[in-house]
Structure formats: C-alpha cells, structure tokens
Amino acid sequence: MGDRLNVQDLTDCIVECFELSSSGATPPKLRNDFLVLGKRLRGALLNLVSAKFSEGTDAVRDANARIADVNRRLKAEVTRLSDFADTLHAGAALVGSLDSLLKLAVAFA
C-alpha cells in the first residue's frame, strides 16, 4: 500500500497555528508568526495530501514523528494560553469581589 503522511495530525497543527494567530493571549508579534506557519503548513498539506511513498520510507516516518511532536507542542501552547486567560479572568473577578468588599467596609466604617 505504501506510506502516507499523517494528514490528520498535520491538519491539527494547522488549526492550532491559526488558533494561536488569532488568540488575544498570544503576544502580537507571535500572532503573525503563527499565521505564517499555519499557511506554510497548509500549503505543504495541499501538496502532500494524496502523495504515496514506498513502504518503510524513513523520510515519511521522520516527518510523521516531527508532525506529532509539533502537534503536541502546539496543543500544549493553546492549553497554556487558555489557562493564562482563565487566570486573568479569575483575577478580574477577584478585583470585582474586592471592590464590593471595600464598599461594605466603607459603609461600616
């Protein structure tokens, strides 16, 4: 049958890049870098989606291992940024609670 590129993992990488490129939690300079990377990966996907290689092609195995590694890293980045954003939201909620508490203290002073 032959070896193929892991297009599902590559597609996941592309989606994560585009997610990071539009996330407000990603630093502005890096947003463009993730956008460019996503577009480059998408171009590679379009060129390789139907390619077949000889069974046991080391370059395909290496590429699939690299895709899996990058996919794992990108997912971890999205999770980290999501956790960061959640922490900021929790901090904002805390400020609101402390403001309410301050109003009570002023009322009882």
PDB file of N, CA and C in Angstrom:
ATOM      1  N   MET A   1       0.810  -1.186   0.000  1.00  0.00           N
ATOM      2  CA  MET A   1       0.000   0.000   0.000  1.00  0.00           C
ATOM      3  C   MET A   1       0.857   1.254   0.000  1.00  0.00           C
ATOM      4  N   GLY A   2       1.907   1.289   0.776  1.00  0.00           N
ATOM      5  CA  GLY A   2       2.790   2.446   0.829  1.00  0.00           C
ATOM      6  C   GLY A   2       2.525   3.324   2.039  1.00  0.00           C
ATOM      7  N   ASP A   3       3.511   4.137   2.341  1.00  0.00           N
ATOM      8  CA  ASP A   3       3.393   5.048   3.474  1.00  0.00           C
ATOM      9  C   ASP A   3       2.749   6.358   3.041  1.00  0.00           C
ATOM     10  N   ARG A   4       2.084   6.975   3.982  1.00  0.00           N
ATOM     11  CA  ARG A   4       1.462   8.283   3.751  1.00  0.00           C
ATOM     12  C   ARG A   4       1.799   9.201   4.912  1.00  0.00           C
ATOM     13  N   LEU A   5       1.727  10.458   4.618  1.00  0.00           N
ATOM     14  CA  LEU A   5       1.893  11.467   5.642  1.00  0.00           C
ATOM     15  C   LEU A   5       0.671  11.448   6.560  1.00  0.00           C
ATOM     16  N   ASN A   6       0.870  11.709   7.835  1.00  0.00           N
ATOM     17  CA  ASN A   6      -0.237  11.753   8.783  1.00  0.00           C
ATOM     18  C   ASN A   6      -0.959  13.091   8.600  1.00  0.00           C
ATOM     19  N   VAL A   7      -1.917  13.107   7.686  1.00  0.00           N
ATOM     20  CA  VAL A   7      -2.598  14.359   7.337  1.00  0.00           C
ATOM     21  C   VAL A   7      -3.519  14.847   8.457  1.00  0.00           C
ATOM     22  N   GLN A   8      -4.026  13.941   9.273  1.00  0.00           N
ATOM     23  CA  GLN A   8      -4.885  14.382  10.384  1.00  0.00           C
ATOM     24  C   GLN A   8      -4.082  15.195  11.387  1.00  0.00           C
ATOM     25  N   ASP A   9      -2.922  14.679  11.794  1.00  0.00           N
ATOM     26  CA  ASP A   9      -2.081  15.428  12.736  1.00  0.00           C
ATOM     27  C   ASP A   9      -1.587  16.729  12.114  1.00  0.00           C
ATOM     28  N   LEU A  10      -1.258  16.699  10.825  1.00  0.00           N
ATOM     29  CA  LEU A  10      -0.817  17.915  10.154  1.00  0.00           C
ATOM     30  C   LEU A  10      -1.953  18.941  10.115  1.00  0.00           C
ATOM     31  N   THR A  11      -3.161  18.487   9.850  1.00  0.00           N
ATOM     32  CA  THR A  11      -4.328  19.375   9.867  1.00  0.00           C
ATOM     33  C   THR A  11      -4.525  19.963  11.261  1.00  0.00           C
ATOM     34  N   ASP A  12      -4.349  19.149  12.289  1.00  0.00           N
ATOM     35  CA  ASP A  12      -4.458  19.644  13.664  1.00  0.00           C
ATOM     36  C   ASP A  12      -3.416  20.727  13.936  1.00  0.00           C
ATOM     37  N   CYS A  13      -2.200  20.542  13.424  1.00  0.00           N
ATOM     38  CA  CYS A  13      -1.150  21.560  13.580  1.00  0.00           C
ATOM     39  C   CYS A  13      -1.588  22.880  12.952  1.00  0.00           C
ATOM     40  N   ILE A  14      -2.164  22.786  11.769  1.00  0.00           N
ATOM     41  CA  ILE A  14      -2.606  23.982  11.048  1.00  0.00           C
ATOM     42  C   ILE A  14      -3.690  24.703  11.843  1.00  0.00           C
ATOM     43  N   VAL A  15      -4.659  23.941  12.333  1.00  0.00           N
ATOM     44  CA  VAL A  15      -5.747  24.528  13.121  1.00  0.00           C
ATOM     45  C   VAL A  15      -5.191  25.215  14.370  1.00  0.00           C
ATOM     46  N   GLU A  16      -4.266  24.571  15.056  1.00  0.00           N
ATOM     47  CA  GLU A  16      -3.684  25.156  16.266  1.00  0.00           C
ATOM     48  C   GLU A  16      -2.907  26.433  15.933  1.00  0.00           C
ATOM     49  N   CYS A  17      -2.189  26.437  14.815  1.00  0.00           N
ATOM     50  CA  CYS A  17      -1.464  27.648  14.403  1.00  0.00           C
ATOM     51  C   CYS A  17      -2.430  28.803  14.175  1.00  0.00           C
ATOM     52  N   PHE A  18      -3.518  28.530  13.493  1.00  0.00           N
ATOM     53  CA  PHE A  18      -4.496  29.584  13.234  1.00  0.00           C
ATOM     54  C   PHE A  18      -5.174  30.023  14.535  1.00  0.00           C
ATOM     55  N   GLU A  19      -5.391  29.086  15.444  1.00  0.00           N
ATOM     56  CA  GLU A  19      -5.954  29.432  16.751  1.00  0.00           C
ATOM     57  C   GLU A  19      -5.001  30.367  17.498  1.00  0.00           C
ATOM     58  N   LEU A  20      -3.729  30.023  17.508  1.00  0.00           N
ATOM     59  CA  LEU A  20      -2.742  30.862  18.193  1.00  0.00           C
ATOM     60  C   LEU A  20      -2.574  32.214  17.506  1.00  0.00           C
ATOM     61  N   SER A  21      -2.757  32.244  16.188  1.00  0.00           N
ATOM     62  CA  SER A  21      -2.582  33.503  15.455  1.00  0.00           C
ATOM     63  C   SER A  21      -3.708  34.494  15.745  1.00  0.00           C
ATOM     64  N   SER A  22      -4.826  34.003  16.228  1.00  0.00           N
ATOM     65  CA  SER A  22      -5.969  34.891  16.480  1.00  0.00           C
ATOM     66  C   SER A  22      -6.289  35.034  17.958  1.00  0.00           C
ATOM     67  N   SER A  23      -5.490  34.417  18.811  1.00  0.00           N
ATOM     68  CA  SER A  23      -5.734  34.481  20.249  1.00  0.00           C
ATOM     69  C   SER A  23      -5.172  35.775  20.827  1.00  0.00           C
ATOM     70  N   GLY A  24      -5.987  36.463  21.583  1.00  0.00           N
ATOM     71  CA  GLY A  24      -5.524  37.671  22.254  1.00  0.00           C
ATOM     72  C   GLY A  24      -4.480  37.376  23.318  1.00  0.00           C
ATOM     73  N   ALA A  25      -4.380  36.128  23.738  1.00  0.00           N
ATOM     74  CA  ALA A  25      -3.384  35.754  24.742  1.00  0.00           C
ATOM     75  C   ALA A  25      -1.999  35.551  24.131  1.00  0.00           C
ATOM     76  N   THR A  26      -1.944  35.403  22.811  1.00  0.00           N
ATOM     77  CA  THR A  26      -0.660  35.257  22.128  1.00  0.00           C
ATOM     78  C   THR A  26      -0.064  36.644  21.927  1.00  0.00           C
ATOM     79  N   PRO A  27       1.218  36.826  22.256  1.00  0.00           N
ATOM     80  CA  PRO A  27       1.843  38.135  22.026  1.00  0.00           C
ATOM     81  C   PRO A  27       1.687  38.555  20.560  1.00  0.00           C
ATOM     82  N   PRO A  28       1.417  39.844  20.313  1.00  0.00           N
ATOM     83  CA  PRO A  28       1.141  40.320  18.945  1.00  0.00           C
ATOM     84  C   PRO A  28       2.181  39.907  17.905  1.00  0.00           C
ATOM     85  N   LYS A  29       3.467  39.980  18.223  1.00  0.00           N
ATOM     86  CA  LYS A  29       4.491  39.615  17.237  1.00  0.00           C
ATOM     87  C   LYS A  29       4.402  38.136  16.869  1.00  0.00           C
ATOM     88  N   LEU A  30       4.059  37.314  17.839  1.00  0.00           N
ATOM     89  CA  LEU A  30       3.972  35.873  17.582  1.00  0.00           C
ATOM     90  C   LEU A  30       2.712  35.497  16.818  1.00  0.00           C
ATOM     91  N   ARG A  31       1.661  36.305  16.928  1.00  0.00           N
ATOM     92  CA  ARG A  31       0.429  36.009  16.182  1.00  0.00           C
ATOM     93  C   ARG A  31       0.720  35.905  14.694  1.00  0.00           C
ATOM     94  N   ASN A  32       1.468  36.860  14.160  1.00  0.00           N
ATOM     95  CA  ASN A  32       1.805  36.824  12.738  1.00  0.00           C
ATOM     96  C   ASN A  32       2.681  35.618  12.411  1.00  0.00           C
ATOM     97  N   ASP A  33       3.605  35.291  13.297  1.00  0.00           N
ATOM     98  CA  ASP A  33       4.465  34.115  13.067  1.00  0.00           C
ATOM     99  C   ASP A  33       3.631  32.837  12.994  1.00  0.00           C
ATOM    100  N   PHE A  34       2.648  32.707  13.892  1.00  0.00           N
ATOM    101  CA  PHE A  34       1.783  31.520  13.856  1.00  0.00           C
ATOM    102  C   PHE A  34       0.902  31.518  12.607  1.00  0.00           C
ATOM    103  N   LEU A  35       0.454  32.679  12.170  1.00  0.00           N
ATOM    104  CA  LEU A  35      -0.343  32.765  10.944  1.00  0.00           C
ATOM    105  C   LEU A  35       0.480  32.303   9.743  1.00  0.00           C
ATOM    106  N   VAL A  36       1.702  32.798   9.640  1.00  0.00           N
ATOM    107  CA  VAL A  36       2.583  32.409   8.527  1.00  0.00           C
ATOM    108  C   VAL A  36       2.876  30.914   8.582  1.00  0.00           C
ATOM    109  N   LEU A  37       3.173  30.396   9.774  1.00  0.00           N
ATOM    110  CA  LEU A  37       3.444  28.961   9.911  1.00  0.00           C
ATOM    111  C   LEU A  37       2.230  28.138   9.506  1.00  0.00           C
ATOM    112  N   GLY A  38       1.044  28.545   9.947  1.00  0.00           N
ATOM    113  CA  GLY A  38      -0.177  27.829   9.576  1.00  0.00           C
ATOM    114  C   GLY A  38      -0.379  27.800   8.073  1.00  0.00           C
ATOM    115  N   LYS A  39      -0.130  28.933   7.418  1.00  0.00           N
ATOM    116  CA  LYS A  39      -0.287  28.993   5.961  1.00  0.00           C
ATOM    117  C   LYS A  39       0.742  28.122   5.256  1.00  0.00           C
ATOM    118  N   ARG A  40       1.977  28.102   5.757  1.00  0.00           N
ATOM    119  CA  ARG A  40       3.013  27.269   5.137  1.00  0.00           C
ATOM    120  C   ARG A  40       2.696  25.782   5.308  1.00  0.00           C
ATOM    121  N   LEU A  41       2.240  25.418   6.504  1.00  0.00           N
ATOM    122  CA  LEU A  41       1.855  24.025   6.741  1.00  0.00           C
ATOM    123  C   LEU A  41       0.669  23.632   5.876  1.00  0.00           C
ATOM    124  N   ARG A  42      -0.283  24.550   5.713  1.00  0.00           N
ATOM    125  CA  ARG A  42      -1.441  24.277   4.853  1.00  0.00           C
ATOM    126  C   ARG A  42      -0.999  24.050   3.415  1.00  0.00           C
ATOM    127  N   GLY A  43      -0.029  24.840   2.943  1.00  0.00           N
ATOM    128  CA  GLY A  43       0.494  24.643   1.591  1.00  0.00           C
ATOM    129  C   GLY A  43       1.146  23.275   1.440  1.00  0.00           C
ATOM    130  N   ALA A  44       1.919  22.876   2.468  1.00  0.00           N
ATOM    131  CA  ALA A  44       2.547  21.556   2.425  1.00  0.00           C
ATOM    132  C   ALA A  44       1.492  20.456   2.427  1.00  0.00           C
ATOM    133  N   LEU A  45       0.451  20.642   3.227  1.00  0.00           N
ATOM    134  CA  LEU A  45      -0.635  19.657   3.271  1.00  0.00           C
ATOM    135  C   LEU A  45      -1.280  19.503   1.899  1.00  0.00           C
ATOM    136  N   LEU A  46      -1.589  20.614   1.268  1.00  0.00           N
ATOM    137  CA  LEU A  46      -2.239  20.550  -0.052  1.00  0.00           C
ATOM    138  C   LEU A  46      -1.363  19.831  -1.071  1.00  0.00           C
ATOM    139  N   ASN A  47      -0.062  20.036  -0.971  1.00  0.00           N
ATOM    140  CA  ASN A  47       0.850  19.393  -1.915  1.00  0.00           C
ATOM    141  C   ASN A  47       1.059  17.910  -1.617  1.00  0.00           C
ATOM    142  N   LEU A  48       0.922  17.505  -0.359  1.00  0.00           N
ATOM    143  CA  LEU A  48       1.279  16.139   0.025  1.00  0.00           C
ATOM    144  C   LEU A  48       0.092  15.251   0.410  1.00  0.00           C
ATOM    145  N   VAL A  49      -1.117  15.799   0.423  1.00  0.00           N
ATOM    146  CA  VAL A  49      -2.266  15.056   0.928  1.00  0.00           C
ATOM    147  C   VAL A  49      -2.501  13.742   0.180  1.00  0.00           C
ATOM    148  N   SER A  50      -2.249  13.703  -1.089  1.00  0.00           N
ATOM    149  CA  SER A  50      -2.512  12.486  -1.852  1.00  0.00           C
ATOM    150  C   SER A  50      -1.240  11.724  -2.225  1.00  0.00           C
ATOM    151  N   ALA A  51      -0.108  12.181  -1.719  1.00  0.00           N
ATOM    152  CA  ALA A  51       1.162  11.526  -2.066  1.00  0.00           C
ATOM    153  C   ALA A  51       1.283  10.169  -1.379  1.00  0.00           C
ATOM    154  N   LYS A  52       1.796   9.204  -2.130  1.00  0.00           N
ATOM    155  CA  LYS A  52       2.107   7.887  -1.584  1.00  0.00           C
ATOM    156  C   LYS A  52       3.603   7.683  -1.706  1.00  0.00           C
ATOM    157  N   PHE A  53       4.165   7.023  -0.706  1.00  0.00           N
ATOM    158  CA  PHE A  53       5.596   6.760  -0.690  1.00  0.00           C
ATOM    159  C   PHE A  53       5.816   5.265  -0.540  1.00  0.00           C
ATOM    160  N   SER A  54       6.977   4.819  -0.902  1.00  0.00           N
ATOM    161  CA  SER A  54       7.314   3.398  -0.751  1.00  0.00           C
ATOM    162  C   SER A  54       7.201   3.000   0.714  1.00  0.00           C
ATOM    163  N   GLU A  55       6.749   1.773   0.929  1.00  0.00           N
ATOM    164  CA  GLU A  55       6.621   1.245   2.286  1.00  0.00           C
ATOM    165  C   GLU A  55       7.961   1.354   3.003  1.00  0.00           C
ATOM    166  N   GLY A  56       7.926   1.864   4.224  1.00  0.00           N
ATOM    167  CA  GLY A  56       9.141   1.953   5.027  1.00  0.00           C
ATOM    168  C   GLY A  56      10.026   3.139   4.696  1.00  0.00           C
ATOM    169  N   THR A  57       9.495   4.155   4.058  1.00  0.00           N
ATOM    170  CA  THR A  57      10.293   5.335   3.722  1.00  0.00           C
ATOM    171  C   THR A  57      10.634   6.083   5.006  1.00  0.00           C
ATOM    172  N   ASP A  58      11.931   6.152   5.301  1.00  0.00           N
ATOM    173  CA  ASP A  58      12.372   6.793   6.542  1.00  0.00           C
ATOM    174  C   ASP A  58      11.971   8.263   6.608  1.00  0.00           C
ATOM    175  N   ALA A  59      11.999   8.950   5.491  1.00  0.00           N
ATOM    176  CA  ALA A  59      11.651  10.372   5.484  1.00  0.00           C
ATOM    177  C   ALA A  59      10.191  10.583   5.885  1.00  0.00           C
ATOM    178  N   VAL A  60       9.313   9.664   5.512  1.00  0.00           N
ATOM    179  CA  VAL A  60       7.903   9.770   5.890  1.00  0.00           C
ATOM    180  C   VAL A  60       7.755   9.506   7.385  1.00  0.00           C
ATOM    181  N   ARG A  61       8.431   8.493   7.876  1.00  0.00           N
ATOM    182  CA  ARG A  61       8.384   8.215   9.316  1.00  0.00           C
ATOM    183  C   ARG A  61       8.917   9.399  10.114  1.00  0.00           C
ATOM    184  N   ASP A  62      10.027   9.974   9.646  1.00  0.00           N
ATOM    185  CA  ASP A  62      10.609  11.133  10.318  1.00  0.00           C
ATOM    186  C   ASP A  62       9.639  12.316  10.287  1.00  0.00           C
ATOM    187  N   ALA A  63       9.041  12.564   9.129  1.00  0.00           N
ATOM    188  CA  ALA A  63       8.087  13.673   9.006  1.00  0.00           C
ATOM    189  C   ALA A  63       6.886  13.457   9.920  1.00  0.00           C
ATOM    190  N   ASN A  64       6.366  12.249   9.975  1.00  0.00           N
ATOM    191  CA  ASN A  64       5.218  11.957  10.840  1.00  0.00           C
ATOM    192  C   ASN A  64       5.580  12.122  12.321  1.00  0.00           C
ATOM    193  N   ALA A  65       6.795  11.732  12.689  1.00  0.00           N
ATOM    194  CA  ALA A  65       7.238  11.920  14.074  1.00  0.00           C
ATOM    195  C   ALA A  65       7.355  13.408  14.395  1.00  0.00           C
ATOM    196  N   ARG A  66       7.877  14.178  13.454  1.00  0.00           N
ATOM    197  CA  ARG A  66       8.000  15.626  13.663  1.00  0.00           C
ATOM    198  C   ARG A  66       6.627  16.294  13.722  1.00  0.00           C
ATOM    199  N   ILE A  67       5.729  15.855  12.870  1.00  0.00           N
ATOM    200  CA  ILE A  67       4.358  16.389  12.891  1.00  0.00           C
ATOM    201  C   ILE A  67       3.732  16.115  14.247  1.00  0.00           C
ATOM    202  N   ALA A  68       3.871  14.901  14.746  1.00  0.00           N
ATOM    203  CA  ALA A  68       3.294  14.541  16.048  1.00  0.00           C
ATOM    204  C   ALA A  68       3.898  15.394  17.164  1.00  0.00           C
ATOM    205  N   ASP A  69       5.207  15.634  17.104  1.00  0.00           N
ATOM    206  CA  ASP A  69       5.877  16.444  18.115  1.00  0.00           C
ATOM    207  C   ASP A  69       5.381  17.894  18.080  1.00  0.00           C
ATOM    208  N   VAL A  70       5.323  18.470  16.900  1.00  0.00           N
ATOM    209  CA  VAL A  70       4.861  19.854  16.768  1.00  0.00           C
ATOM    210  C   VAL A  70       3.391  19.954  17.172  1.00  0.00           C
ATOM    211  N   ASN A  71       2.594  18.977  16.781  1.00  0.00           N
ATOM    212  CA  ASN A  71       1.180  18.958  17.151  1.00  0.00           C
ATOM    213  C   ASN A  71       1.029  18.961  18.678  1.00  0.00           C
ATOM    214  N   ARG A  72       1.799  18.123  19.351  1.00  0.00           N
ATOM    215  CA  ARG A  72       1.761  18.054  20.817  1.00  0.00           C
ATOM    216  C   ARG A  72       2.156  19.402  21.421  1.00  0.00           C
ATOM    217  N   ARG A  73       3.203  20.007  20.892  1.00  0.00           N
ATOM    218  CA  ARG A  73       3.672  21.295  21.414  1.00  0.00           C
ATOM    219  C   ARG A  73       2.643  22.406  21.198  1.00  0.00           C
ATOM    220  N   LEU A  74       2.052  22.427  20.020  1.00  0.00           N
ATOM    221  CA  LEU A  74       1.053  23.459  19.732  1.00  0.00           C
ATOM    222  C   LEU A  74      -0.166  23.312  20.637  1.00  0.00           C
ATOM    223  N   LYS A  75      -0.624  22.084  20.834  1.00  0.00           N
ATOM    224  CA  LYS A  75      -1.764  21.855  21.719  1.00  0.00           C
ATOM    225  C   LYS A  75      -1.427  22.302  23.151  1.00  0.00           C
ATOM    226  N   ALA A  76      -0.205  22.030  23.592  1.00  0.00           N
ATOM    227  CA  ALA A  76       0.213  22.458  24.930  1.00  0.00           C
ATOM    228  C   ALA A  76       0.232  23.980  25.025  1.00  0.00           C
ATOM    229  N   GLU A  77       0.661  24.648  23.957  1.00  0.00           N
ATOM    230  CA  GLU A  77       0.671  26.117  23.936  1.00  0.00           C
ATOM    231  C   GLU A  77      -0.738  26.677  24.013  1.00  0.00           C
ATOM    232  N   VAL A  78      -1.653  26.101  23.254  1.00  0.00           N
ATOM    233  CA  VAL A  78      -3.046  26.561  23.287  1.00  0.00           C
ATOM    234  C   VAL A  78      -3.612  26.365  24.690  1.00  0.00           C
ATOM    235  N   THR A  79      -3.337  25.230  25.310  1.00  0.00           N
ATOM    236  CA  THR A  79      -3.815  24.964  26.669  1.00  0.00           C
ATOM    237  C   THR A  79      -3.205  25.953  27.655  1.00  0.00           C
ATOM    238  N   ARG A  80      -1.896  26.188  27.515  1.00  0.00           N
ATOM    239  CA  ARG A  80      -1.216  27.120  28.417  1.00  0.00           C
ATOM    240  C   ARG A  80      -1.807  28.516  28.289  1.00  0.00           C
ATOM    241  N   LEU A  81      -2.033  28.966  27.061  1.00  0.00           N
ATOM    242  CA  LEU A  81      -2.599  30.291  26.848  1.00  0.00           C
ATOM    243  C   LEU A  81      -4.040  30.369  27.347  1.00  0.00           C
ATOM    244  N   SER A  82      -4.777  29.286  27.184  1.00  0.00           N
ATOM    245  CA  SER A  82      -6.143  29.246  27.698  1.00  0.00           C
ATOM    246  C   SER A  82      -6.132  29.341  29.220  1.00  0.00           C
ATOM    247  N   ASP A  83      -5.211  28.603  29.850  1.00  0.00           N
ATOM    248  CA  ASP A  83      -5.084  28.663  31.309  1.00  0.00           C
ATOM    249  C   ASP A  83      -4.683  30.070  31.747  1.00  0.00           C
ATOM    250  N   PHE A  84      -3.794  30.705  30.986  1.00  0.00           N
ATOM    251  CA  PHE A  84      -3.358  32.071  31.275  1.00  0.00           C
ATOM    252  C   PHE A  84      -4.548  33.024  31.205  1.00  0.00           C
ATOM    253  N   ALA A  85      -5.347  32.896  30.157  1.00  0.00           N
ATOM    254  CA  ALA A  85      -6.525  33.749  30.002  1.00  0.00           C
ATOM    255  C   ALA A  85      -7.523  33.493  31.131  1.00  0.00           C
ATOM    256  N   ASP A  86      -7.703  32.219  31.508  1.00  0.00           N
ATOM    257  CA  ASP A  86      -8.607  31.892  32.615  1.00  0.00           C
ATOM    258  C   ASP A  86      -8.124  32.519  33.920  1.00  0.00           C
ATOM    259  N   THR A  87      -6.802  32.527  34.115  1.00  0.00           N
ATOM    260  CA  THR A  87      -6.232  33.140  35.311  1.00  0.00           C
ATOM    261  C   THR A  87      -6.491  34.642  35.317  1.00  0.00           C
ATOM    262  N   LEU A  88      -6.354  35.279  34.156  1.00  0.00           N
ATOM    263  CA  LEU A  88      -6.639  36.714  34.070  1.00  0.00           C
ATOM    264  C   LEU A  88      -8.103  37.002  34.385  1.00  0.00           C
ATOM    265  N   HIS A  89      -8.995  36.171  33.863  1.00  0.00           N
ATOM    266  CA  HIS A  89     -10.428  36.343  34.146  1.00  0.00           C
ATOM    267  C   HIS A  89     -10.719  36.145  35.638  1.00  0.00           C
ATOM    268  N   ALA A  90     -10.072  35.151  36.242  1.00  0.00           N
ATOM    269  CA  ALA A  90     -10.256  34.914  37.678  1.00  0.00           C
ATOM    270  C   ALA A  90      -9.724  36.107  38.477  1.00  0.00           C
ATOM    271  N   GLY A  91      -8.608  36.672  38.043  1.00  0.00           N
ATOM    272  CA  GLY A  91      -8.062  37.856  38.707  1.00  0.00           C
ATOM    273  C   GLY A  91      -9.005  39.040  38.605  1.00  0.00           C
ATOM    274  N   ALA A  92      -9.605  39.229  37.432  1.00  0.00           N
ATOM    275  CA  ALA A  92     -10.569  40.317  37.249  1.00  0.00           C
ATOM    276  C   ALA A  92     -11.792  40.118  38.140  1.00  0.00           C
ATOM    277  N   ALA A  93     -12.250  38.875  38.251  1.00  0.00           N
ATOM    278  CA  ALA A  93     -13.390  38.584  39.127  1.00  0.00           C
ATOM    279  C   ALA A  93     -13.023  38.860  40.582  1.00  0.00           C
ATOM    280  N   LEU A  94     -11.789  38.540  40.968  1.00  0.00           N
ATOM    281  CA  LEU A  94     -11.328  38.812  42.322  1.00  0.00           C
ATOM    282  C   LEU A  94     -11.338  40.316  42.595  1.00  0.00           C
ATOM    283  N   VAL A  95     -10.871  41.113  41.636  1.00  0.00           N
ATOM    284  CA  VAL A  95     -10.880  42.570  41.795  1.00  0.00           C
ATOM    285  C   VAL A  95     -12.311  43.052  42.027  1.00  0.00           C
ATOM    286  N   GLY A  96     -13.265  42.524  41.253  1.00  0.00           N
ATOM    287  CA  GLY A  96     -14.668  42.885  41.444  1.00  0.00           C
ATOM    288  C   GLY A  96     -15.156  42.543  42.843  1.00  0.00           C
ATOM    289  N   SER A  97     -14.803  41.383  43.333  1.00  0.00           N
ATOM    290  CA  SER A  97     -15.196  40.966  44.683  1.00  0.00           C
ATOM    291  C   SER A  97     -14.563  41.861  45.740  1.00  0.00           C
ATOM    292  N   LEU A  98     -13.298  42.193  45.534  1.00  0.00           N
ATOM    293  CA  LEU A  98     -12.609  43.069  46.494  1.00  0.00           C
ATOM    294  C   LEU A  98     -13.200  44.470  46.471  1.00  0.00           C
ATOM    295  N   ASP A  99     -13.592  44.946  45.301  1.00  0.00           N
ATOM    296  CA  ASP A  99     -14.260  46.247  45.208  1.00  0.00           C
ATOM    297  C   ASP A  99     -15.568  46.234  45.995  1.00  0.00           C
ATOM    298  N   SER A 100     -16.325  45.158  45.851  1.00  0.00           N
ATOM    299  CA  SER A 100     -17.580  45.028  46.606  1.00  0.00           C
ATOM    300  C   SER A 100     -17.311  44.987  48.102  1.00  0.00           C
ATOM    301  N   LEU A 101     -16.260  44.284  48.469  1.00  0.00           N
ATOM    302  CA  LEU A 101     -15.881  44.191  49.879  1.00  0.00           C
ATOM    303  C   LEU A 101     -15.480  45.558  50.412  1.00  0.00           C
ATOM    304  N   LEU A 102     -14.775  46.320  49.610  1.00  0.00           N
ATOM    305  CA  LEU A 102     -14.370  47.666  50.011  1.00  0.00           C
ATOM    306  C   LEU A 102     -15.590  48.550  50.256  1.00  0.00           C
ATOM    307  N   LYS A 103     -16.601  48.425  49.405  1.00  0.00           N
ATOM    308  CA  LYS A 103     -17.831  49.193  49.587  1.00  0.00           C
ATOM    309  C   LYS A 103     -18.500  48.861  50.938  1.00  0.00           C
ATOM    310  N   LEU A 104     -18.453  47.583  51.286  1.00  0.00           N
ATOM    311  CA  LEU A 104     -19.011  47.186  52.572  1.00  0.00           C
ATOM    312  C   LEU A 104     -18.214  47.781  53.717  1.00  0.00           C
ATOM    313  N   ALA A 105     -16.911  47.745  53.601  1.00  0.00           N
ATOM    314  CA  ALA A 105     -16.056  48.286  54.659  1.00  0.00           C
ATOM    315  C   ALA A 105     -16.283  49.773  54.808  1.00  0.00           C
ATOM    316  N   VAL A 106     -16.431  50.491  53.725  1.00  0.00           N
ATOM    317  CA  VAL A 106     -16.680  51.936  53.783  1.00  0.00           C
ATOM    318  C   VAL A 106     -18.026  52.184  54.433  1.00  0.00           C
ATOM    319  N   ALA A 107     -19.008  51.357  54.147  1.00  0.00           N
ATOM    320  CA  ALA A 107     -20.355  51.532  54.692  1.00  0.00           C
ATOM    321  C   ALA A 107     -20.377  51.285  56.201  1.00  0.00           C
ATOM    322  N   PHE A 108     -19.458  50.448  56.700  1.00  0.00           N
ATOM    323  CA  PHE A 108     -19.431  50.129  58.122  1.00  0.00           C
ATOM    324  C   PHE A 108     -18.378  50.925  58.872  1.00  0.00           C
ATOM    325  N   ALA A 109     -17.628  51.776  58.210  1.00  0.00           N
ATOM    326  CA  ALA A 109     -16.522  52.489  58.856  1.00  0.00           C
ATOM    327  C   ALA A 109     -16.976  53.539  59.822  1.00  0.00           C
TER     328      ALA A 109
END
